[in-house]
Amino acid sequence: MATPELLAAFHIRPGEVSPTADIVTMRPGLASVVHMQLVDNGQANNGPSGSAPGCTSGDCIIDQPVIQELDTLPSGTSAPNTLITLHAIKQLGLQPSLAGWFVQAPQAINPAQVKSAQLMAVAQGMSVETKDNVPNMSTLINSATAFGIVLALAILAMSVGLVRSETAGDLRVLAATGASSWARHALSASTAGGLALLGGLLGTVAGYVGMIGWLRGNTVAGGLAGLENVPVANLLVILLGMPAIAVVLGWVLSGRERPATVRRAIE
């Protein structure tokens, strides 16, 4: 529950939570999920059923609850990454009760200390979970983007090398007719940039076509609503940054034409 004490533990001021929000979460895309209901079937409601707004047939229901995204909430499956607000508690007529403790240590806890805490908890009929250094979604997207660009550039270097070997005869003609090294550099750079741009466009289109196919058949993901969270910065890096890097590398790594290549190879 989004109590002032828990929010303060994550450096979130109560004023940052909208007074009309029913749920606060750090999970991107959750706010766009359609046909969602916040339901209390009476088991968690200590008050008289039917007394709260939205209670029907013994169930307290909030149709399409207002969900606010707060990226300052922790990530992880066991961390409190999604909280019900005091506003929703009041709407459902619920009575808060203690379900557990969220403990933050002032310094890193070593494995021996974790094991000791778990044994002590088991002896008291309790359980202890610890948070690993699991990267958040933004870190995963950035890492995947960087790895994809490096891999694409490596494949691109091999492709440009193959193209240059196949067009060695044309390069010899250019050199024989007095073409400058600038022209040869420009050919390599433009080839690398064009291939990088084409690869980025095809990869982006293929990725989104696959995502659309998956989202259309996945009601849990909220259908095509999941497409609203587009990583614009990462796509710009792929579609603009990668071709720019390819142009620079194509120019720099094209090198000087060896004197032997100005003469036709003996076959």
C-alpha atoms as a PDB file:
ATOM      1  CA  MET A   1       0.000   0.000   0.000  1.00  0.00           C
ATOM      2  CA  ALA A   2       1.258   3.465  -0.877  1.00  0.00           C
ATOM      3  CA  THR A   3       1.547   4.742   2.674  1.00  0.00           C
ATOM      4  CA  PRO A   4       3.502   7.947   3.294  1.00  0.00           C
ATOM      5  CA  GLU A   5       6.122   5.890   5.149  1.00  0.00           C
ATOM      6  CA  LEU A   6       6.718   3.488   2.250  1.00  0.00           C
ATOM      7  CA  LEU A   7       6.742   6.296  -0.297  1.00  0.00           C
ATOM      8  CA  ALA A   8       9.267   8.172   1.832  1.00  0.00           C
ATOM      9  CA  ALA A   9      11.554   5.110   1.784  1.00  0.00           C
ATOM     10  CA  PHE A  10      11.806   5.556  -1.999  1.00  0.00           C
ATOM     11  CA  HIS A  11      12.131   9.350  -1.757  1.00  0.00           C
ATOM     12  CA  ILE A  12       8.632   9.911  -3.160  1.00  0.00           C
ATOM     13  CA  ARG A  13       6.708  12.842  -1.742  1.00  0.00           C
ATOM     14  CA  PRO A  14       2.981  12.265  -1.111  1.00  0.00           C
ATOM     15  CA  GLY A  15       2.269  15.213  -3.410  1.00  0.00           C
ATOM     16  CA  GLU A  16       3.781  13.279  -6.337  1.00  0.00           C
ATOM     17  CA  VAL A  17       0.923  10.768  -6.165  1.00  0.00           C
ATOM     18  CA  SER A  18      -2.215  11.949  -7.916  1.00  0.00           C
ATOM     19  CA  PRO A  19      -5.185  12.214  -5.524  1.00  0.00           C
ATOM     20  CA  THR A  20      -7.328  10.326  -8.061  1.00  0.00           C
ATOM     21  CA  ALA A  21      -4.846   7.475  -8.657  1.00  0.00           C
ATOM     22  CA  ASP A  22      -5.924   3.999  -7.559  1.00  0.00           C
ATOM     23  CA  ILE A  23      -2.609   2.279  -8.309  1.00  0.00           C
ATOM     24  CA  VAL A  24       0.966   3.536  -8.589  1.00  0.00           C
ATOM     25  CA  THR A  25       3.516   1.411 -10.406  1.00  0.00           C
ATOM     26  CA  MET A  26       6.918   1.464 -12.068  1.00  0.00           C
ATOM     27  CA  ARG A  27       5.856  -1.143 -14.638  1.00  0.00           C
ATOM     28  CA  PRO A  28       5.774   0.561 -18.063  1.00  0.00           C
ATOM     29  CA  GLY A  29       2.633  -0.139 -20.055  1.00  0.00           C
ATOM     30  CA  LEU A  30       0.470  -1.182 -17.115  1.00  0.00           C
ATOM     31  CA  ALA A  31      -1.486   2.062 -17.282  1.00  0.00           C
ATOM     32  CA  SER A  32      -2.502   1.304 -20.881  1.00  0.00           C
ATOM     33  CA  VAL A  33      -3.952  -2.146 -20.158  1.00  0.00           C
ATOM     34  CA  VAL A  34      -7.654  -2.148 -21.019  1.00  0.00           C
ATOM     35  CA  HIS A  35     -10.600  -3.924 -19.346  1.00  0.00           C
ATOM     36  CA  MET A  36      -8.880  -3.916 -15.966  1.00  0.00           C
ATOM     37  CA  GLN A  37     -10.794  -4.107 -12.698  1.00  0.00           C
ATOM     38  CA  LEU A  38      -9.689  -3.643  -9.103  1.00  0.00           C
ATOM     39  CA  VAL A  39     -11.783  -6.163  -7.178  1.00  0.00           C
ATOM     40  CA  ASP A  40     -12.265  -7.033  -3.510  1.00  0.00           C
ATOM     41  CA  ASN A  41     -14.351 -10.181  -3.211  1.00  0.00           C
ATOM     42  CA  GLY A  42     -15.085  -9.503   0.437  1.00  0.00           C
ATOM     43  CA  GLN A  43     -12.230 -11.561   1.887  1.00  0.00           C
ATOM     44  CA  ALA A  44     -10.037  -8.479   2.410  1.00  0.00           C
ATOM     45  CA  ASN A  45     -12.902  -6.167   3.309  1.00  0.00           C
ATOM     46  CA  ASN A  46     -13.394  -6.012   7.050  1.00  0.00           C
ATOM     47  CA  GLY A  47     -16.232  -3.550   6.687  1.00  0.00           C
ATOM     48  CA  PRO A  48     -19.799  -4.271   5.594  1.00  0.00           C
ATOM     49  CA  SER A  49     -19.906  -5.432   1.994  1.00  0.00           C
ATOM     50  CA  GLY A  50     -21.821  -3.077  -0.266  1.00  0.00           C
ATOM     51  CA  SER A  51     -21.031   0.032   1.750  1.00  0.00           C
ATOM     52  CA  ALA A  52     -18.293   1.313  -0.547  1.00  0.00           C
ATOM     53  CA  PRO A  53     -18.848   2.920  -3.975  1.00  0.00           C
ATOM     54  CA  GLY A  54     -18.738   0.336  -6.750  1.00  0.00           C
ATOM     55  CA  CYS A  55     -19.726  -2.629  -4.568  1.00  0.00           C
ATOM     56  CA  THR A  56     -22.116  -4.948  -6.382  1.00  0.00           C
ATOM     57  CA  SER A  57     -23.247  -8.478  -5.547  1.00  0.00           C
ATOM     58  CA  GLY A  58     -20.917  -8.634  -2.564  1.00  0.00           C
ATOM     59  CA  ASP A  59     -17.904  -7.553  -4.611  1.00  0.00           C
ATOM     60  CA  CYS A  60     -16.201  -4.159  -4.451  1.00  0.00           C
ATOM     61  CA  ILE A  61     -15.148  -3.222  -7.965  1.00  0.00           C
ATOM     62  CA  ILE A  62     -13.321  -0.267  -9.478  1.00  0.00           C
ATOM     63  CA  ASP A  63     -13.648  -0.462 -13.254  1.00  0.00           C
ATOM     64  CA  GLN A  64     -10.604   0.673 -15.191  1.00  0.00           C
ATOM     65  CA  PRO A  65      -8.679   1.974 -12.153  1.00  0.00           C
ATOM     66  CA  VAL A  66      -6.532   5.065 -12.555  1.00  0.00           C
ATOM     67  CA  ILE A  67      -2.914   3.891 -12.761  1.00  0.00           C
ATOM     68  CA  GLN A  68      -0.026   6.315 -12.318  1.00  0.00           C
ATOM     69  CA  GLU A  69       3.535   5.429 -13.345  1.00  0.00           C
ATOM     70  CA  LEU A  70       6.338   6.308 -10.911  1.00  0.00           C
ATOM     71  CA  ASP A  71       9.746   5.214 -12.141  1.00  0.00           C
ATOM     72  CA  THR A  72      11.217   5.870  -8.689  1.00  0.00           C
ATOM     73  CA  LEU A  73       9.529   2.757  -7.314  1.00  0.00           C
ATOM     74  CA  PRO A  74      11.826  -0.285  -7.123  1.00  0.00           C
ATOM     75  CA  SER A  75      11.943  -2.935  -9.824  1.00  0.00           C
ATOM     76  CA  GLY A  76      11.919  -6.689  -9.325  1.00  0.00           C
ATOM     77  CA  THR A  77       9.209  -9.298  -8.914  1.00  0.00           C
ATOM     78  CA  SER A  78       9.198  -9.286  -5.105  1.00  0.00           C
ATOM     79  CA  ALA A  79       9.886  -5.588  -4.567  1.00  0.00           C
ATOM     80  CA  PRO A  80       6.917  -3.254  -3.991  1.00  0.00           C
ATOM     81  CA  ASN A  81       6.858  -2.120  -7.611  1.00  0.00           C
ATOM     82  CA  THR A  82       3.061  -1.741  -7.726  1.00  0.00           C
ATOM     83  CA  LEU A  83       1.061  -0.237  -4.864  1.00  0.00           C
ATOM     84  CA  ILE A  84      -2.593   0.419  -4.128  1.00  0.00           C
ATOM     85  CA  THR A  85      -3.220   3.982  -3.017  1.00  0.00           C
ATOM     86  CA  LEU A  86      -5.048   5.287   0.034  1.00  0.00           C
ATOM     87  CA  HIS A  87      -7.666   6.669  -2.371  1.00  0.00           C
ATOM     88  CA  ALA A  88      -8.473   3.157  -3.640  1.00  0.00           C
ATOM     89  CA  ILE A  89      -8.451   1.764  -0.109  1.00  0.00           C
ATOM     90  CA  LYS A  90     -11.125   4.277   0.815  1.00  0.00           C
ATOM     91  CA  GLN A  91     -13.118   3.599  -2.371  1.00  0.00           C
ATOM     92  CA  LEU A  92     -13.166  -0.141  -1.679  1.00  0.00           C
ATOM     93  CA  GLY A  93     -13.854   0.290   2.031  1.00  0.00           C
ATOM     94  CA  LEU A  94     -10.814  -1.798   2.994  1.00  0.00           C
ATOM     95  CA  GLN A  95      -9.104  -1.919   6.359  1.00  0.00           C
ATOM     96  CA  PRO A  96      -5.275  -1.957   6.099  1.00  0.00           C
ATOM     97  CA  SER A  97      -3.423  -4.694   7.941  1.00  0.00           C
ATOM     98  CA  LEU A  98       0.255  -5.550   8.324  1.00  0.00           C
ATOM     99  CA  ALA A  99       1.375  -8.162   5.792  1.00  0.00           C
ATOM    100  CA  GLY A 100       5.159  -7.883   6.043  1.00  0.00           C
ATOM    101  CA  TRP A 101       8.149  -5.639   6.438  1.00  0.00           C
ATOM    102  CA  PHE A 102      10.295  -3.969   3.833  1.00  0.00           C
ATOM    103  CA  VAL A 103      13.819  -3.592   5.215  1.00  0.00           C
ATOM    104  CA  GLN A 104      16.641  -1.582   3.662  1.00  0.00           C
ATOM    105  CA  ALA A 105      20.109  -2.229   5.040  1.00  0.00           C
ATOM    106  CA  PRO A 106      22.573   0.675   5.323  1.00  0.00           C
ATOM    107  CA  GLN A 107      25.215  -1.418   3.530  1.00  0.00           C
ATOM    108  CA  ALA A 108      25.502  -4.541   1.388  1.00  0.00           C
ATOM    109  CA  ILE A 109      24.513  -7.817   3.075  1.00  0.00           C
ATOM    110  CA  ASN A 110      26.859 -10.727   2.466  1.00  0.00           C
ATOM    111  CA  PRO A 111      25.552 -14.258   1.697  1.00  0.00           C
ATOM    112  CA  ALA A 112      26.329 -15.514   5.213  1.00  0.00           C
ATOM    113  CA  GLN A 113      24.179 -12.787   6.757  1.00  0.00           C
ATOM    114  CA  VAL A 114      21.348 -13.528   4.328  1.00  0.00           C
ATOM    115  CA  LYS A 115      21.491 -17.225   5.207  1.00  0.00           C
ATOM    116  CA  SER A 116      21.445 -16.428   8.938  1.00  0.00           C
ATOM    117  CA  ALA A 117      18.427 -14.148   8.531  1.00  0.00           C
ATOM    118  CA  GLN A 118      16.575 -16.815   6.552  1.00  0.00           C
ATOM    119  CA  LEU A 119      17.221 -19.450   9.224  1.00  0.00           C
ATOM    120  CA  MET A 120      16.007 -17.105  11.958  1.00  0.00           C
ATOM    121  CA  ALA A 121      12.875 -16.321   9.955  1.00  0.00           C
ATOM    122  CA  VAL A 122      12.076 -20.003   9.318  1.00  0.00           C
ATOM    123  CA  ALA A 123      12.348 -20.684  13.064  1.00  0.00           C
ATOM    124  CA  GLN A 124       9.613 -18.077  13.613  1.00  0.00           C
ATOM    125  CA  GLY A 125       7.403 -19.330  10.777  1.00  0.00           C
ATOM    126  CA  MET A 126       8.358 -16.477   8.497  1.00  0.00           C
ATOM    127  CA  SER A 127      10.290 -16.060   5.256  1.00  0.00           C
ATOM    128  CA  VAL A 128      12.952 -13.663   3.993  1.00  0.00           C
ATOM    129  CA  GLU A 129      13.503 -12.565   0.405  1.00  0.00           C
ATOM    130  CA  THR A 130      16.455 -10.495  -0.763  1.00  0.00           C
ATOM    131  CA  LYS A 131      16.820  -8.373  -3.860  1.00  0.00           C
ATOM    132  CA  ASP A 132      19.534  -9.268  -6.337  1.00  0.00           C
ATOM    133  CA  ASN A 133      21.153  -6.708  -8.589  1.00  0.00           C
ATOM    134  CA  VAL A 134      18.634  -7.317 -11.359  1.00  0.00           C
ATOM    135  CA  PRO A 135      18.837  -4.616 -14.046  1.00  0.00           C
ATOM    136  CA  ASN A 136      15.689  -2.668 -14.761  1.00  0.00           C
ATOM    137  CA  MET A 137      13.935  -2.569 -18.120  1.00  0.00           C
ATOM    138  CA  SER A 138      15.688   0.626 -19.222  1.00  0.00           C
ATOM    139  CA  THR A 139      19.103  -0.927 -18.563  1.00  0.00           C
ATOM    140  CA  LEU A 140      18.130  -4.079 -20.468  1.00  0.00           C
ATOM    141  CA  ILE A 141      16.917  -2.058 -23.473  1.00  0.00           C
ATOM    142  CA  ASN A 142      20.073   0.077 -23.534  1.00  0.00           C
ATOM    143  CA  SER A 143      22.322  -2.993 -23.207  1.00  0.00           C
ATOM    144  CA  ALA A 144      20.435  -4.810 -25.969  1.00  0.00           C
ATOM    145  CA  THR A 145      20.707  -1.725 -28.205  1.00  0.00           C
ATOM    146  CA  ALA A 146      24.457  -1.415 -27.634  1.00  0.00           C
ATOM    147  CA  PHE A 147      25.038  -5.150 -28.220  1.00  0.00           C
ATOM    148  CA  GLY A 148      22.904  -5.091 -31.378  1.00  0.00           C
ATOM    149  CA  ILE A 149      24.793  -2.102 -32.796  1.00  0.00           C
ATOM    150  CA  VAL A 150      28.192  -3.676 -32.119  1.00  0.00           C
ATOM    151  CA  LEU A 151      27.068  -6.963 -33.709  1.00  0.00           C
ATOM    152  CA  ALA A 152      25.548  -5.146 -36.691  1.00  0.00           C
ATOM    153  CA  LEU A 153      28.716  -3.117 -37.256  1.00  0.00           C
ATOM    154  CA  ALA A 154      30.854  -6.268 -37.128  1.00  0.00           C
ATOM    155  CA  ILE A 155      28.656  -7.952 -39.753  1.00  0.00           C
ATOM    156  CA  LEU A 156      28.618  -4.710 -41.726  1.00  0.00           C
ATOM    157  CA  ALA A 157      32.436  -4.586 -41.781  1.00  0.00           C
ATOM    158  CA  MET A 158      32.541  -8.064 -43.305  1.00  0.00           C
ATOM    159  CA  SER A 159      29.866  -7.099 -45.843  1.00  0.00           C
ATOM    160  CA  VAL A 160      31.713  -3.933 -46.882  1.00  0.00           C
ATOM    161  CA  GLY A 161      34.951  -5.914 -47.179  1.00  0.00           C
ATOM    162  CA  LEU A 162      33.203  -8.413 -49.445  1.00  0.00           C
ATOM    163  CA  VAL A 163      31.707  -5.614 -51.559  1.00  0.00           C
ATOM    164  CA  ARG A 164      35.113  -3.947 -51.913  1.00  0.00           C
ATOM    165  CA  SER A 165      36.733  -7.209 -52.988  1.00  0.00           C
ATOM    166  CA  GLU A 166      34.014  -7.741 -55.598  1.00  0.00           C
ATOM    167  CA  THR A 167      34.406  -4.183 -56.916  1.00  0.00           C
ATOM    168  CA  ALA A 168      38.219  -4.166 -56.915  1.00  0.00           C
ATOM    169  CA  GLY A 169      38.183  -3.925 -60.714  1.00  0.00           C
ATOM    170  CA  ASP A 170      36.037  -0.788 -60.603  1.00  0.00           C
ATOM    171  CA  LEU A 171      38.368   0.732 -58.027  1.00  0.00           C
ATOM    172  CA  ARG A 172      41.342   0.046 -60.290  1.00  0.00           C
ATOM    173  CA  VAL A 173      39.555   1.790 -63.149  1.00  0.00           C
ATOM    174  CA  LEU A 174      38.859   4.777 -60.931  1.00  0.00           C
ATOM    175  CA  ALA A 175      42.476   4.914 -59.817  1.00  0.00           C
ATOM    176  CA  ALA A 176      43.717   4.599 -63.401  1.00  0.00           C
ATOM    177  CA  THR A 177      41.492   7.453 -64.532  1.00  0.00           C
ATOM    178  CA  GLY A 178      42.884   9.686 -61.815  1.00  0.00           C
ATOM    179  CA  ALA A 179      40.211   9.394 -59.133  1.00  0.00           C
ATOM    180  CA  SER A 180      41.431  10.775 -55.842  1.00  0.00           C
ATOM    181  CA  SER A 181      41.607   8.882 -52.585  1.00  0.00           C
ATOM    182  CA  TRP A 182      38.704  11.049 -51.406  1.00  0.00           C
ATOM    183  CA  ALA A 183      36.449   9.403 -53.995  1.00  0.00           C
ATOM    184  CA  ARG A 184      37.463   5.917 -52.873  1.00  0.00           C
ATOM    185  CA  HIS A 185      36.902   6.866 -49.210  1.00  0.00           C
ATOM    186  CA  ALA A 186      33.497   8.295 -50.115  1.00  0.00           C
ATOM    187  CA  LEU A 187      32.490   5.083 -51.893  1.00  0.00           C
ATOM    188  CA  SER A 188      33.364   2.944 -48.873  1.00  0.00           C
ATOM    189  CA  ALA A 189      31.686   5.326 -46.445  1.00  0.00           C
ATOM    190  CA  SER A 190      28.487   5.641 -48.468  1.00  0.00           C
ATOM    191  CA  THR A 191      28.319   1.861 -48.944  1.00  0.00           C
ATOM    192  CA  ALA A 192      28.728   1.261 -45.215  1.00  0.00           C
ATOM    193  CA  GLY A 193      26.189   3.972 -44.311  1.00  0.00           C
ATOM    194  CA  GLY A 194      23.630   2.743 -46.825  1.00  0.00           C
ATOM    195  CA  LEU A 195      23.883  -0.858 -45.659  1.00  0.00           C
ATOM    196  CA  ALA A 196      23.658   0.213 -41.998  1.00  0.00           C
ATOM    197  CA  LEU A 197      20.558   2.335 -42.641  1.00  0.00           C
ATOM    198  CA  LEU A 198      18.904  -0.453 -44.624  1.00  0.00           C
ATOM    199  CA  GLY A 199      19.720  -2.985 -41.905  1.00  0.00           C
ATOM    200  CA  GLY A 200      18.384  -0.684 -39.175  1.00  0.00           C
ATOM    201  CA  LEU A 201      15.127  -0.074 -41.056  1.00  0.00           C
ATOM    202  CA  LEU A 202      14.582  -3.753 -41.830  1.00  0.00           C
ATOM    203  CA  GLY A 203      15.406  -4.771 -38.259  1.00  0.00           C
ATOM    204  CA  THR A 204      13.046  -2.177 -36.768  1.00  0.00           C
ATOM    205  CA  VAL A 205      10.182  -3.071 -39.119  1.00  0.00           C
ATOM    206  CA  ALA A 206      10.667  -6.799 -38.535  1.00  0.00           C
ATOM    207  CA  GLY A 207      10.783  -6.272 -34.763  1.00  0.00           C
ATOM    208  CA  TYR A 208       7.561  -4.279 -34.688  1.00  0.00           C
ATOM    209  CA  VAL A 209       5.759  -6.640 -37.052  1.00  0.00           C
ATOM    210  CA  GLY A 210       6.639  -9.500 -34.712  1.00  0.00           C
ATOM    211  CA  MET A 211       5.583  -7.447 -31.674  1.00  0.00           C
ATOM    212  CA  ILE A 212       2.241  -6.548 -33.256  1.00  0.00           C
ATOM    213  CA  GLY A 213       1.593 -10.221 -33.995  1.00  0.00           C
ATOM    214  CA  TRP A 214       2.378 -11.156 -30.386  1.00  0.00           C
ATOM    215  CA  LEU A 215       0.351  -8.320 -28.817  1.00  0.00           C
ATOM    216  CA  ARG A 216      -2.737  -9.004 -30.951  1.00  0.00           C
ATOM    217  CA  GLY A 217      -3.032 -12.461 -29.437  1.00  0.00           C
ATOM    218  CA  ASN A 218      -1.960 -11.519 -25.905  1.00  0.00           C
ATOM    219  CA  THR A 219      -4.816 -10.075 -23.862  1.00  0.00           C
ATOM    220  CA  VAL A 220      -2.656  -9.892 -20.730  1.00  0.00           C
ATOM    221  CA  ALA A 221      -0.389  -7.381 -22.452  1.00  0.00           C
ATOM    222  CA  GLY A 222      -3.383  -5.224 -23.250  1.00  0.00           C
ATOM    223  CA  GLY A 223      -3.455  -5.857 -26.987  1.00  0.00           C
ATOM    224  CA  LEU A 224      -1.870  -3.254 -29.214  1.00  0.00           C
ATOM    225  CA  ALA A 225      -1.788  -0.810 -26.296  1.00  0.00           C
ATOM    226  CA  GLY A 226       1.703  -2.118 -25.547  1.00  0.00           C
ATOM    227  CA  LEU A 227       2.965  -0.278 -28.634  1.00  0.00           C
ATOM    228  CA  GLU A 228       2.461   3.049 -26.878  1.00  0.00           C
ATOM    229  CA  ASN A 229       5.752   2.599 -25.009  1.00  0.00           C
ATOM    230  CA  VAL A 230       8.144   3.177 -27.898  1.00  0.00           C
ATOM    231  CA  PRO A 231      11.848   3.500 -26.960  1.00  0.00           C
ATOM    232  CA  VAL A 232      12.304   6.577 -29.135  1.00  0.00           C
ATOM    233  CA  ALA A 233      15.872   7.317 -28.028  1.00  0.00           C
ATOM    234  CA  ASN A 234      17.025   3.761 -28.733  1.00  0.00           C
ATOM    235  CA  LEU A 235      15.368   3.725 -32.160  1.00  0.00           C
ATOM    236  CA  LEU A 236      17.027   7.032 -33.051  1.00  0.00           C
ATOM    237  CA  VAL A 237      20.389   5.568 -32.065  1.00  0.00           C
ATOM    238  CA  ILE A 238      19.742   2.547 -34.286  1.00  0.00           C
ATOM    239  CA  LEU A 239      18.284   4.404 -37.283  1.00  0.00           C
ATOM    240  CA  LEU A 240      20.512   7.500 -37.191  1.00  0.00           C
ATOM    241  CA  GLY A 241      23.452   6.813 -34.909  1.00  0.00           C
ATOM    242  CA  MET A 242      24.418   3.433 -36.338  1.00  0.00           C
ATOM    243  CA  PRO A 243      24.527   4.637 -40.003  1.00  0.00           C
ATOM    244  CA  ALA A 244      26.539   7.690 -38.887  1.00  0.00           C
ATOM    245  CA  ILE A 245      29.044   5.453 -37.086  1.00  0.00           C
ATOM    246  CA  ALA A 246      29.177   3.181 -40.140  1.00  0.00           C
ATOM    247  CA  VAL A 247      29.940   6.162 -42.415  1.00  0.00           C
ATOM    248  CA  VAL A 248      32.784   7.327 -40.166  1.00  0.00           C
ATOM    249  CA  LEU A 249      34.252   3.831 -39.810  1.00  0.00           C
ATOM    250  CA  GLY A 250      33.854   3.188 -43.536  1.00  0.00           C
ATOM    251  CA  TRP A 251      35.778   6.375 -44.285  1.00  0.00           C
ATOM    252  CA  VAL A 252      38.533   5.819 -41.716  1.00  0.00           C
ATOM    253  CA  LEU A 253      39.052   2.101 -42.277  1.00  0.00           C
ATOM    254  CA  SER A 254      38.976   2.225 -46.081  1.00  0.00           C
ATOM    255  CA  GLY A 255      42.712   2.999 -45.962  1.00  0.00           C
ATOM    256  CA  ARG A 256      44.962   3.941 -48.805  1.00  0.00           C
ATOM    257  CA  GLU A 257      44.741   2.091 -52.074  1.00  0.00           C
ATOM    258  CA  ARG A 258      47.741  -0.154 -52.594  1.00  0.00           C
ATOM    259  CA  PRO A 259      49.776   0.641 -55.735  1.00  0.00           C
ATOM    260  CA  ALA A 260      49.350  -2.941 -56.945  1.00  0.00           C
ATOM    261  CA  THR A 261      45.605  -2.503 -57.279  1.00  0.00           C
ATOM    262  CA  VAL A 262      45.971   0.088 -60.029  1.00  0.00           C
ATOM    263  CA  ARG A 263      47.119  -2.685 -62.348  1.00  0.00           C
ATOM    264  CA  ARG A 264      44.744  -5.342 -63.577  1.00  0.00           C
ATOM    265  CA  ALA A 265      45.238  -8.665 -61.798  1.00  0.00           C
ATOM    266  CA  ILE A 266      46.707 -11.493 -63.850  1.00  0.00           C
ATOM    267  CA  GLU A 267      44.158 -14.337 -64.056  1.00  0.00           C
END
